[in-house]
Amino acid sequence: MAQRFRTETDSMGDVEVPSDALYGAQTQRAVNNFNISRLTLPFAFVRAVALIKYCAAEANAELGLLDNHKADAIMQAALEVFEGRWSNQFPVDVFQTGSGTSTNMNVNEVLATLASRHSGLEIHPNDDVNLGQSSNDVIPTAIQLSAARRIHRKLLPAIAGLRNVIDQRAAELDHVVKTGRTHLMDAMPLTFGQELRTWSAQLEQAEQRLSDLLPQLRALPQGGTAIGTGINAHAQFAERFCESMSKFTEQPFTPATNKFAGIAGQDIAVATSGIMVSVATIMMKIANDLRWMNSGPLTGLGEITLQPLQPGSSIMPGKVNPVIPEAVAMACAQVMGNQTTITVAGQSGSFQLNVMLPVIAYNLLQSIELMWKSAETMANNCIADFQVNTEKLNQGLNRNPILVTALNPVIGYNKAAAIAKAAYQQNRPIIDVALEMTDLSQAELEALLSPLELSKGGLHQ
């Protein structure tokens, strides 16, 4: 069946729009002009723009600039979009005008249509829905708002959940000693609990960095309008807007101290992306540690066995691979690549406006989503249920010549090195070689070379 169209008019003239579309001429022009990627902005971003329109309508009504009936209708329409009822009405490509004007107008037009239907009033997308706003402050505000909400509501809880699972497993495995490794070579022993708590400590530091960043993300440039001066916005608009936003989200949003900076630059997005890369490096380290520990089962380290989730090969029967760590590692690589895009885009602020805002929004929200979902997946499908192969651990632990390090204070470095070298060459336990090459008794050596005691650190004399 042929698609039906209606004619819509904007300042540039007439344009044909699908008859069932809630948007109008400016959105359709963007659809016609930007047929580049078939990628659209995440709906989390559209929801953020809708929420901005909700709070702007409330603020403008309180300030006496917008009729209360119109404001109520706009707010009702914005809530419907925020709740996901019209998610198919936002078709604009990510690669569009650098200010994101097309996406701002897409939301304005959809809300104007819905609000007009609800109220029976004529509600204009620019004069009413966009009152006291510009794409130049709406889109940067939406970047910060959507990122802050996702970090607060999704990423931080996911990291906390991953840490909780790691800490639980660490407590279970505090008594299990294994060979440490530096440079992928045998090193002094530690417990599984110590190894896992290293991951937890790294994640805790990432949580702190994210928490420290949130107040900066919550300082919004909304009210700066076109370039930061606030032209066509009420002097109290920014304050009232942030009060409305704080009430709706239950997060403390404030007006930016310098709205010019929030419109001309995207420093906060670059900084947020940088912290996402730091999260990705931690997650990749955890993923790779798990892959190494799981390697084998016969010729690898074989320290743990990850739960089998799916067949690992289309040609080798019985093969099972560490699919969750591999998937997480790829997600981390994507986040690292996104940082390059965001960095390049972040420096594309010519004079009073950054002109790569949509691609910043797309990549930043993708990075946040990838890390939150990776954290949840790693916790639930990998760390929570891996099995420790204690027999394999003990085989290597008891023959580890590096244990001789504990004898340094007693016999000296050179003598200890000679014992380690002999143990390597003869493939014998270090305690047997030390018995022959020192005057220490069996009991003294057992005390000095106890892997569990050595995992506690300190001097052993």
Foldseek 3Di string as FASTA:
>chain_A
DDFDWDWAADPVGIDTDGPPALFGDLLVVLVVPDPDDQDFFDLLLLLLLLLLLLLLLVLCVVVVNADPLLSVLLNVLSVCSNVPVPVVNQRGHLPTWLLCQSRNRSSLSNSQSRSCVVRVDRGHSCVRSQQLAASLQSLLLSLLVSLLLLCVPFQLVLLVLLLVLLQVVLVVFQPFKFFDDDPNHTAAIATSSVVSVVLSVLSVVLSVVSVVLNQVSLAGLRQCHPQHVNPRHDPCSQVSSQVSVCVVSVDRHHHHPGSLCSRLFDVSLLVLLVSLLSLLVSLLVVLVVLQQCCPDCPPGLNFKHFDFDDDDDPPDPPDGHPVLSVLSNVLSVLSVVLSVVLVVQRVCRDRRHRRNSSSSSRSSVSSSVSNSVSSNCCSPRGSNDMGGDSVSRVVCLQLQLNLLVLCCVPPHDVLSVVLSVVSVVVVHGSLVSCVVSDVDDSVLCCQSSVSSVVNVPDHRD
